[in-house]
Amino acid sequence: MNARTPTEVIELFNEPGHLMRRAHQIAVSTFHETHGRQITPVQYAILRALQDEPGIDQVTLAQRVALDTSTTADIAARLEGKGWIVRELMARRQRRLLLTPEGQAVLDAMLPKVNPMYSQLLGSLTPGEQAEFLRLLRKFVQLNDPTDGDTAQG
């Protein structure tokens, strides 16, 4: 195996992809430490989207949470199996999704822990750095995800 010269050394910890992957791992770990493993961050996002827009169809939900329709359908089926949502069949094989009282109870139990979890996650940054970090994340997502529309303000 050939040794690399100092100018050829791959600086993994300066690569954006690696840093984003690590940030995602940290965020997911913090989520599970806070909420346990009975719900995933993506399932939480779906429940929150349904709380914000009760009765939206599955395709619109997929767009809101930035998932493909197949993955969204699979997760929705799991959430329905847990009794947290109902999927009502509509015209053209579309499905309308609603939170059940059990699903709302799950969110009601989680929501008081959400802001403290985010404070813990971002706590090593100053308030100014936190605001800038979030601004740049929103901008990055908006500029790289045409489905995100006007949700980011950068």
N, C-alpha and C. Protein backbone atom coordinates (compact mmCIF):
# COMPACT_ATOMS: atom_id res chain seq x y z
N MET A 1 0.84 -1.17 0.00
CA MET A 1 0.00 0.00 0.00
C MET A 1 0.89 1.23 0.00
N ASN A 2 0.60 2.17 -0.86
CA ASN A 2 1.40 3.39 -0.95
C ASN A 2 0.96 4.40 0.10
N ALA A 3 1.96 5.03 0.73
CA ALA A 3 1.65 6.09 1.69
C ALA A 3 1.32 7.35 0.93
N ARG A 4 0.40 8.11 1.46
CA ARG A 4 0.02 9.38 0.84
C ARG A 4 0.95 10.48 1.33
N THR A 5 1.21 11.40 0.45
CA THR A 5 1.95 12.58 0.87
C THR A 5 0.98 13.49 1.61
N PRO A 6 1.49 14.41 2.43
CA PRO A 6 0.59 15.29 3.20
C PRO A 6 -0.43 16.03 2.34
N THR A 7 -0.09 16.37 1.12
CA THR A 7 -1.05 17.08 0.26
C THR A 7 -2.12 16.15 -0.29
N GLU A 8 -1.89 14.83 -0.21
CA GLU A 8 -2.86 13.87 -0.71
C GLU A 8 -3.78 13.33 0.38
N VAL A 9 -3.50 13.65 1.62
CA VAL A 9 -4.30 13.13 2.73
C VAL A 9 -5.75 13.61 2.59
N ILE A 10 -6.64 12.67 2.67
CA ILE A 10 -8.06 13.02 2.61
C ILE A 10 -8.47 13.54 3.98
N GLU A 11 -8.94 14.75 4.01
CA GLU A 11 -9.35 15.35 5.27
C GLU A 11 -10.84 15.09 5.47
N LEU A 12 -11.15 13.89 5.95
CA LEU A 12 -12.52 13.45 6.11
C LEU A 12 -13.36 14.44 6.91
N PHE A 13 -12.78 14.98 7.96
CA PHE A 13 -13.55 15.86 8.83
C PHE A 13 -13.73 17.27 8.27
N ASN A 14 -13.29 17.49 7.05
CA ASN A 14 -13.56 18.73 6.34
C ASN A 14 -14.49 18.50 5.15
N GLU A 15 -14.94 17.26 4.97
CA GLU A 15 -15.81 16.94 3.85
C GLU A 15 -17.27 17.17 4.26
N PRO A 16 -18.00 18.00 3.51
CA PRO A 16 -19.39 18.30 3.87
C PRO A 16 -20.27 17.06 4.02
N GLY A 17 -20.14 16.10 3.12
CA GLY A 17 -20.97 14.91 3.21
C GLY A 17 -20.76 14.15 4.50
N HIS A 18 -19.51 13.99 4.90
CA HIS A 18 -19.21 13.29 6.15
C HIS A 18 -19.76 14.07 7.34
N LEU A 19 -19.57 15.38 7.33
CA LEU A 19 -20.05 16.20 8.44
C LEU A 19 -21.58 16.16 8.54
N MET A 20 -22.26 16.18 7.40
CA MET A 20 -23.73 16.10 7.42
C MET A 20 -24.19 14.74 7.94
N ARG A 21 -23.50 13.69 7.54
CA ARG A 21 -23.85 12.34 8.03
C ARG A 21 -23.67 12.26 9.53
N ARG A 22 -22.56 12.81 10.02
CA ARG A 22 -22.31 12.79 11.48
C ARG A 22 -23.34 13.64 12.22
N ALA A 23 -23.68 14.80 11.67
CA ALA A 23 -24.70 15.65 12.29
C ALA A 23 -26.04 14.91 12.35
N HIS A 24 -26.37 14.19 11.29
CA HIS A 24 -27.60 13.40 11.28
C HIS A 24 -27.56 12.31 12.35
N GLN A 25 -26.43 11.62 12.47
CA GLN A 25 -26.30 10.59 13.50
C GLN A 25 -26.50 11.19 14.89
N ILE A 26 -25.90 12.34 15.13
CA ILE A 26 -26.03 13.00 16.43
C ILE A 26 -27.48 13.39 16.69
N ALA A 27 -28.15 13.94 15.68
CA ALA A 27 -29.54 14.35 15.83
C ALA A 27 -30.45 13.15 16.12
N VAL A 28 -30.26 12.06 15.39
CA VAL A 28 -31.08 10.86 15.60
C VAL A 28 -30.81 10.27 16.98
N SER A 29 -29.56 10.23 17.39
CA SER A 29 -29.21 9.72 18.72
C SER A 29 -29.86 10.56 19.82
N THR A 30 -29.81 11.87 19.67
CA THR A 30 -30.44 12.76 20.65
C THR A 30 -31.95 12.55 20.67
N PHE A 31 -32.55 12.37 19.50
CA PHE A 31 -33.99 12.11 19.41
C PHE A 31 -34.34 10.84 20.19
N HIS A 32 -33.59 9.75 19.97
CA HIS A 32 -33.88 8.49 20.64
C HIS A 32 -33.61 8.56 22.14
N GLU A 33 -32.59 9.29 22.55
CA GLU A 33 -32.34 9.47 23.98
C GLU A 33 -33.50 10.20 24.65
N THR A 34 -34.11 11.11 23.93
CA THR A 34 -35.21 11.91 24.47
C THR A 34 -36.54 11.17 24.42
N HIS A 35 -36.84 10.53 23.30
CA HIS A 35 -38.17 9.98 23.08
C HIS A 35 -38.23 8.45 23.07
N GLY A 36 -37.10 7.79 23.22
CA GLY A 36 -37.09 6.34 23.17
C GLY A 36 -37.09 5.85 21.73
N ARG A 37 -37.21 4.54 21.57
CA ARG A 37 -37.11 3.96 20.24
C ARG A 37 -38.45 3.49 19.69
N GLN A 38 -39.54 3.81 20.39
CA GLN A 38 -40.85 3.39 19.89
C GLN A 38 -41.34 4.25 18.73
N ILE A 39 -40.66 5.36 18.47
CA ILE A 39 -40.99 6.23 17.35
C ILE A 39 -39.70 6.75 16.73
N THR A 40 -39.68 6.87 15.42
CA THR A 40 -38.49 7.37 14.72
C THR A 40 -38.67 8.86 14.41
N PRO A 41 -37.58 9.55 14.12
CA PRO A 41 -37.72 10.96 13.73
C PRO A 41 -38.63 11.15 12.50
N VAL A 42 -38.59 10.24 11.55
CA VAL A 42 -39.44 10.37 10.36
C VAL A 42 -40.90 10.15 10.73
N GLN A 43 -41.18 9.18 11.60
CA GLN A 43 -42.55 8.97 12.05
C GLN A 43 -43.06 10.20 12.80
N TYR A 44 -42.21 10.79 13.61
CA TYR A 44 -42.57 12.03 14.32
C TYR A 44 -42.90 13.13 13.31
N ALA A 45 -42.09 13.28 12.28
CA ALA A 45 -42.33 14.31 11.26
C ALA A 45 -43.68 14.09 10.59
N ILE A 46 -44.02 12.84 10.32
CA ILE A 46 -45.31 12.54 9.70
C ILE A 46 -46.45 12.88 10.65
N LEU A 47 -46.33 12.50 11.91
CA LEU A 47 -47.38 12.84 12.88
C LEU A 47 -47.55 14.35 13.00
N ARG A 48 -46.43 15.08 13.05
CA ARG A 48 -46.51 16.55 13.13
C ARG A 48 -47.16 17.14 11.89
N ALA A 49 -46.83 16.60 10.72
CA ALA A 49 -47.44 17.10 9.48
C ALA A 49 -48.94 16.86 9.49
N LEU A 50 -49.36 15.71 9.99
CA LEU A 50 -50.80 15.41 10.06
C LEU A 50 -51.49 16.27 11.12
N GLN A 51 -50.77 16.62 12.15
CA GLN A 51 -51.32 17.52 13.16
C GLN A 51 -51.54 18.91 12.54
N ASP A 52 -50.58 19.34 11.73
CA ASP A 52 -50.66 20.66 11.10
C ASP A 52 -51.69 20.71 9.97
N GLU A 53 -51.85 19.59 9.25
CA GLU A 53 -52.76 19.55 8.10
C GLU A 53 -53.61 18.27 8.16
N PRO A 54 -54.57 18.22 9.08
CA PRO A 54 -55.39 17.01 9.20
C PRO A 54 -56.10 16.68 7.89
N GLY A 55 -56.06 15.41 7.54
CA GLY A 55 -56.79 14.95 6.38
C GLY A 55 -56.10 15.12 5.04
N ILE A 56 -54.81 15.48 5.04
CA ILE A 56 -54.12 15.61 3.76
C ILE A 56 -53.96 14.22 3.14
N ASP A 57 -53.80 14.22 1.83
CA ASP A 57 -53.63 12.93 1.16
C ASP A 57 -52.17 12.48 1.29
N GLN A 58 -51.96 11.21 1.03
CA GLN A 58 -50.65 10.59 1.23
C GLN A 58 -49.58 11.18 0.32
N VAL A 59 -49.93 11.56 -0.90
CA VAL A 59 -48.95 12.14 -1.83
C VAL A 59 -48.51 13.51 -1.33
N THR A 60 -49.45 14.32 -0.87
CA THR A 60 -49.12 15.64 -0.33
C THR A 60 -48.27 15.49 0.93
N LEU A 61 -48.62 14.51 1.76
CA LEU A 61 -47.83 14.25 2.97
C LEU A 61 -46.39 13.92 2.59
N ALA A 62 -46.21 13.07 1.59
CA ALA A 62 -44.86 12.71 1.15
C ALA A 62 -44.07 13.95 0.76
N GLN A 63 -44.71 14.87 0.05
CA GLN A 63 -44.04 16.11 -0.33
C GLN A 63 -43.68 16.94 0.90
N ARG A 64 -44.60 17.03 1.86
CA ARG A 64 -44.37 17.85 3.05
C ARG A 64 -43.16 17.37 3.86
N VAL A 65 -43.00 16.05 3.95
CA VAL A 65 -41.92 15.51 4.78
C VAL A 65 -40.71 15.06 3.94
N ALA A 66 -40.74 15.38 2.64
CA ALA A 66 -39.61 15.12 1.74
C ALA A 66 -39.24 13.64 1.66
N LEU A 67 -40.26 12.81 1.45
CA LEU A 67 -40.06 11.38 1.24
C LEU A 67 -40.70 10.98 -0.08
N ASP A 68 -40.27 9.86 -0.63
CA ASP A 68 -40.95 9.36 -1.81
C ASP A 68 -42.29 8.74 -1.38
N THR A 69 -43.19 8.60 -2.32
CA THR A 69 -44.54 8.14 -1.97
C THR A 69 -44.55 6.70 -1.46
N SER A 70 -43.66 5.86 -1.97
CA SER A 70 -43.60 4.47 -1.53
C SER A 70 -43.17 4.38 -0.06
N THR A 71 -42.14 5.13 0.31
CA THR A 71 -41.67 5.14 1.70
C THR A 71 -42.74 5.71 2.61
N THR A 72 -43.39 6.77 2.17
CA THR A 72 -44.45 7.38 2.97
C THR A 72 -45.58 6.40 3.19
N ALA A 73 -45.96 5.66 2.15
CA ALA A 73 -47.03 4.67 2.27
C ALA A 73 -46.66 3.59 3.28
N ASP A 74 -45.41 3.14 3.23
CA ASP A 74 -44.93 2.12 4.16
C ASP A 74 -44.97 2.62 5.60
N ILE A 75 -44.48 3.83 5.83
CA ILE A 75 -44.46 4.39 7.18
C ILE A 75 -45.89 4.64 7.66
N ALA A 76 -46.74 5.14 6.77
CA ALA A 76 -48.14 5.38 7.15
C ALA A 76 -48.82 4.07 7.54
N ALA A 77 -48.53 3.00 6.83
CA ALA A 77 -49.11 1.69 7.18
C ALA A 77 -48.64 1.25 8.57
N ARG A 78 -47.36 1.49 8.88
CA ARG A 78 -46.86 1.14 10.21
C ARG A 78 -47.53 1.98 11.30
N LEU A 79 -47.69 3.28 11.02
CA LEU A 79 -48.34 4.16 11.99
C LEU A 79 -49.80 3.77 12.18
N GLU A 80 -50.44 3.35 11.10
CA GLU A 80 -51.82 2.87 11.20
C GLU A 80 -51.86 1.59 12.04
N GLY A 81 -50.88 0.72 11.84
CA GLY A 81 -50.79 -0.51 12.62
C GLY A 81 -50.61 -0.26 14.11
N LYS A 82 -49.95 0.84 14.44
CA LYS A 82 -49.78 1.23 15.85
C LYS A 82 -51.03 1.90 16.41
N GLY A 83 -51.98 2.22 15.51
CA GLY A 83 -53.19 2.89 15.94
C GLY A 83 -53.04 4.40 16.08
N TRP A 84 -51.98 4.96 15.50
CA TRP A 84 -51.70 6.39 15.65
C TRP A 84 -52.31 7.23 14.54
N ILE A 85 -52.62 6.63 13.39
CA ILE A 85 -53.29 7.34 12.30
C ILE A 85 -54.33 6.42 11.68
N VAL A 86 -55.23 7.03 10.92
CA VAL A 86 -56.14 6.25 10.07
C VAL A 86 -55.93 6.72 8.64
N ARG A 87 -56.05 5.77 7.71
CA ARG A 87 -55.94 6.09 6.28
C ARG A 87 -57.27 5.75 5.64
N GLU A 88 -57.94 6.77 5.15
CA GLU A 88 -59.24 6.59 4.51
C GLU A 88 -59.05 6.58 3.00
N LEU A 89 -59.61 5.56 2.35
CA LEU A 89 -59.50 5.45 0.90
C LEU A 89 -60.37 6.51 0.23
N MET A 90 -59.79 7.21 -0.73
CA MET A 90 -60.49 8.26 -1.48
C MET A 90 -60.56 7.83 -2.95
N ALA A 91 -61.03 8.72 -3.79
CA ALA A 91 -61.10 8.45 -5.23
C ALA A 91 -59.69 8.23 -5.78
N ARG A 92 -59.60 7.49 -6.85
CA ARG A 92 -58.33 7.22 -7.55
C ARG A 92 -57.26 6.61 -6.64
N ARG A 93 -57.67 5.79 -5.73
CA ARG A 93 -56.77 5.06 -4.84
C ARG A 93 -55.92 5.96 -3.95
N GLN A 94 -56.29 7.22 -3.82
CA GLN A 94 -55.59 8.09 -2.88
C GLN A 94 -56.07 7.78 -1.47
N ARG A 95 -55.25 8.17 -0.52
CA ARG A 95 -55.62 7.96 0.87
C ARG A 95 -55.53 9.27 1.63
N ARG A 96 -56.54 9.53 2.42
CA ARG A 96 -56.58 10.69 3.30
C ARG A 96 -56.11 10.21 4.67
N LEU A 97 -55.23 10.98 5.31
CA LEU A 97 -54.66 10.55 6.58
C LEU A 97 -55.05 11.50 7.71
N LEU A 98 -55.35 10.89 8.85
CA LEU A 98 -55.74 11.64 10.04
C LEU A 98 -55.09 11.03 11.27
N LEU A 99 -54.76 11.87 12.23
CA LEU A 99 -54.30 11.38 13.52
C LEU A 99 -55.47 10.76 14.26
N THR A 100 -55.21 9.70 14.99
CA THR A 100 -56.21 9.15 15.90
C THR A 100 -56.01 9.82 17.26
N PRO A 101 -56.94 9.64 18.19
CA PRO A 101 -56.70 10.15 19.55
C PRO A 101 -55.41 9.58 20.15
N GLU A 102 -55.09 8.32 19.83
CA GLU A 102 -53.84 7.72 20.32
C GLU A 102 -52.63 8.42 19.72
N GLY A 103 -52.70 8.73 18.43
CA GLY A 103 -51.60 9.45 17.78
C GLY A 103 -51.42 10.84 18.36
N GLN A 104 -52.54 11.51 18.63
CA GLN A 104 -52.46 12.83 19.25
C GLN A 104 -51.87 12.72 20.65
N ALA A 105 -52.21 11.67 21.37
CA ALA A 105 -51.65 11.46 22.71
C ALA A 105 -50.14 11.25 22.66
N VAL A 106 -49.68 10.54 21.63
CA VAL A 106 -48.23 10.35 21.46
C VAL A 106 -47.56 11.71 21.27
N LEU A 107 -48.12 12.54 20.40
CA LEU A 107 -47.56 13.88 20.18
C LEU A 107 -47.65 14.73 21.44
N ASP A 108 -48.78 14.65 22.14
CA ASP A 108 -48.94 15.44 23.37
C ASP A 108 -47.87 15.08 24.39
N ALA A 109 -47.49 13.80 24.44
CA ALA A 109 -46.44 13.38 25.37
C ALA A 109 -45.05 13.83 24.90
N MET A 110 -44.86 13.90 23.59
CA MET A 110 -43.55 14.24 23.04
C MET A 110 -43.27 15.74 23.02
N LEU A 111 -44.28 16.53 22.70
CA LEU A 111 -44.07 17.96 22.43
C LEU A 111 -43.40 18.72 23.57
N PRO A 112 -43.72 18.46 24.85
CA PRO A 112 -43.01 19.20 25.90
C PRO A 112 -41.51 18.93 25.94
N LYS A 113 -41.08 17.83 25.34
CA LYS A 113 -39.66 17.46 25.34
C LYS A 113 -38.92 17.97 24.10
N VAL A 114 -39.66 18.47 23.10
CA VAL A 114 -39.04 18.82 21.82
C VAL A 114 -38.09 20.00 21.96
N ASN A 115 -38.56 21.12 22.51
CA ASN A 115 -37.67 22.28 22.62
C ASN A 115 -36.46 22.02 23.51
N PRO A 116 -36.63 21.36 24.68
CA PRO A 116 -35.43 21.01 25.45
C PRO A 116 -34.46 20.10 24.69
N MET A 117 -35.01 19.19 23.86
CA MET A 117 -34.15 18.32 23.06
C MET A 117 -33.34 19.15 22.07
N TYR A 118 -33.99 20.10 21.41
CA TYR A 118 -33.27 20.94 20.45
C TYR A 118 -32.27 21.83 21.16
N SER A 119 -32.62 22.29 22.36
CA SER A 119 -31.66 23.10 23.14
C SER A 119 -30.43 22.27 23.47
N GLN A 120 -30.65 21.01 23.84
CA GLN A 120 -29.52 20.11 24.13
C GLN A 120 -28.69 19.88 22.86
N LEU A 121 -29.37 19.64 21.76
CA LEU A 121 -28.69 19.35 20.50
C LEU A 121 -27.82 20.52 20.04
N LEU A 122 -28.32 21.72 20.20
CA LEU A 122 -27.60 22.91 19.73
C LEU A 122 -26.88 23.64 20.85
N GLY A 123 -26.93 23.10 22.06
CA GLY A 123 -26.43 23.79 23.24
C GLY A 123 -24.96 24.14 23.24
N SER A 124 -24.17 23.47 22.45
CA SER A 124 -22.73 23.79 22.42
C SER A 124 -22.45 25.02 21.56
N LEU A 125 -23.46 25.52 20.87
CA LEU A 125 -23.32 26.73 20.06
C LEU A 125 -23.89 27.92 20.82
N THR A 126 -23.35 29.09 20.57
CA THR A 126 -23.91 30.30 21.17
C THR A 126 -25.27 30.57 20.52
N PRO A 127 -26.12 31.38 21.15
CA PRO A 127 -27.41 31.70 20.52
C PRO A 127 -27.26 32.26 19.10
N GLY A 128 -26.28 33.09 18.88
CA GLY A 128 -26.04 33.62 17.54
C GLY A 128 -25.63 32.54 16.57
N GLU A 129 -24.78 31.62 17.02
CA GLU A 129 -24.35 30.51 16.17
C GLU A 129 -25.53 29.58 15.86
N GLN A 130 -26.39 29.35 16.86
CA GLN A 130 -27.57 28.52 16.64
C GLN A 130 -28.45 29.11 15.55
N ALA A 131 -28.71 30.41 15.64
CA ALA A 131 -29.55 31.07 14.64
C ALA A 131 -28.91 30.99 13.26
N GLU A 132 -27.61 31.20 13.19
CA GLU A 132 -26.90 31.15 11.91
C GLU A 132 -26.88 29.72 11.36
N PHE A 133 -26.65 28.74 12.22
CA PHE A 133 -26.64 27.34 11.82
C PHE A 133 -27.99 26.96 11.21
N LEU A 134 -29.08 27.31 11.89
CA LEU A 134 -30.42 26.99 11.39
C LEU A 134 -30.73 27.75 10.10
N ARG A 135 -30.31 29.00 10.02
CA ARG A 135 -30.51 29.78 8.80
C ARG A 135 -29.81 29.12 7.62
N LEU A 136 -28.56 28.69 7.84
CA LEU A 136 -27.80 28.05 6.77
C LEU A 136 -28.37 26.68 6.40
N LEU A 137 -28.85 25.91 7.38
CA LEU A 137 -29.49 24.63 7.07
C LEU A 137 -30.73 24.85 6.21
N ARG A 138 -31.58 25.80 6.61
CA ARG A 138 -32.78 26.09 5.81
C ARG A 138 -32.40 26.52 4.40
N LYS A 139 -31.40 27.36 4.29
CA LYS A 139 -30.96 27.83 2.97
C LYS A 139 -30.43 26.67 2.14
N PHE A 140 -29.61 25.82 2.74
CA PHE A 140 -29.05 24.67 2.05
C PHE A 140 -30.16 23.77 1.52
N VAL A 141 -31.15 23.47 2.38
CA VAL A 141 -32.25 22.61 1.96
C VAL A 141 -33.05 23.27 0.84
N GLN A 142 -33.35 24.54 1.00
CA GLN A 142 -34.13 25.24 -0.02
C GLN A 142 -33.41 25.25 -1.36
N LEU A 143 -32.14 25.53 -1.35
CA LEU A 143 -31.40 25.63 -2.61
C LEU A 143 -31.14 24.28 -3.27
N ASN A 144 -31.22 23.21 -2.50
CA ASN A 144 -30.92 21.88 -3.04
C ASN A 144 -32.13 20.97 -3.14
N ASP A 145 -33.31 21.46 -2.77
CA ASP A 145 -34.52 20.64 -2.81
C ASP A 145 -35.65 21.44 -3.44
N PRO A 146 -35.88 21.23 -4.73
CA PRO A 146 -36.92 22.02 -5.41
C PRO A 146 -38.32 21.78 -4.86
N THR A 147 -38.54 20.67 -4.14
CA THR A 147 -39.87 20.42 -3.58
C THR A 147 -40.11 21.21 -2.31
N ASP A 148 -39.05 21.84 -1.77
CA ASP A 148 -39.18 22.54 -0.49
C ASP A 148 -39.88 23.89 -0.63
N GLY A 149 -39.90 24.46 -1.81
CA GLY A 149 -40.63 25.69 -2.04
C GLY A 149 -40.20 26.84 -1.16
N ASP A 150 -41.18 27.51 -0.58
CA ASP A 150 -40.92 28.72 0.19
C ASP A 150 -40.79 28.47 1.68
N THR A 151 -40.58 27.24 2.12
CA THR A 151 -40.55 26.97 3.55
C THR A 151 -39.28 27.47 4.20
N ALA A 152 -38.22 27.65 3.45
CA ALA A 152 -36.96 28.12 4.03
C ALA A 152 -36.83 29.62 3.81
N GLN A 153 -36.25 30.24 4.81
CA GLN A 153 -35.98 31.66 4.69
C GLN A 153 -34.52 31.87 4.98
N GLY A 154 -33.76 32.17 3.97
CA GLY A 154 -32.33 32.24 4.16
C GLY A 154 -31.80 33.57 3.87
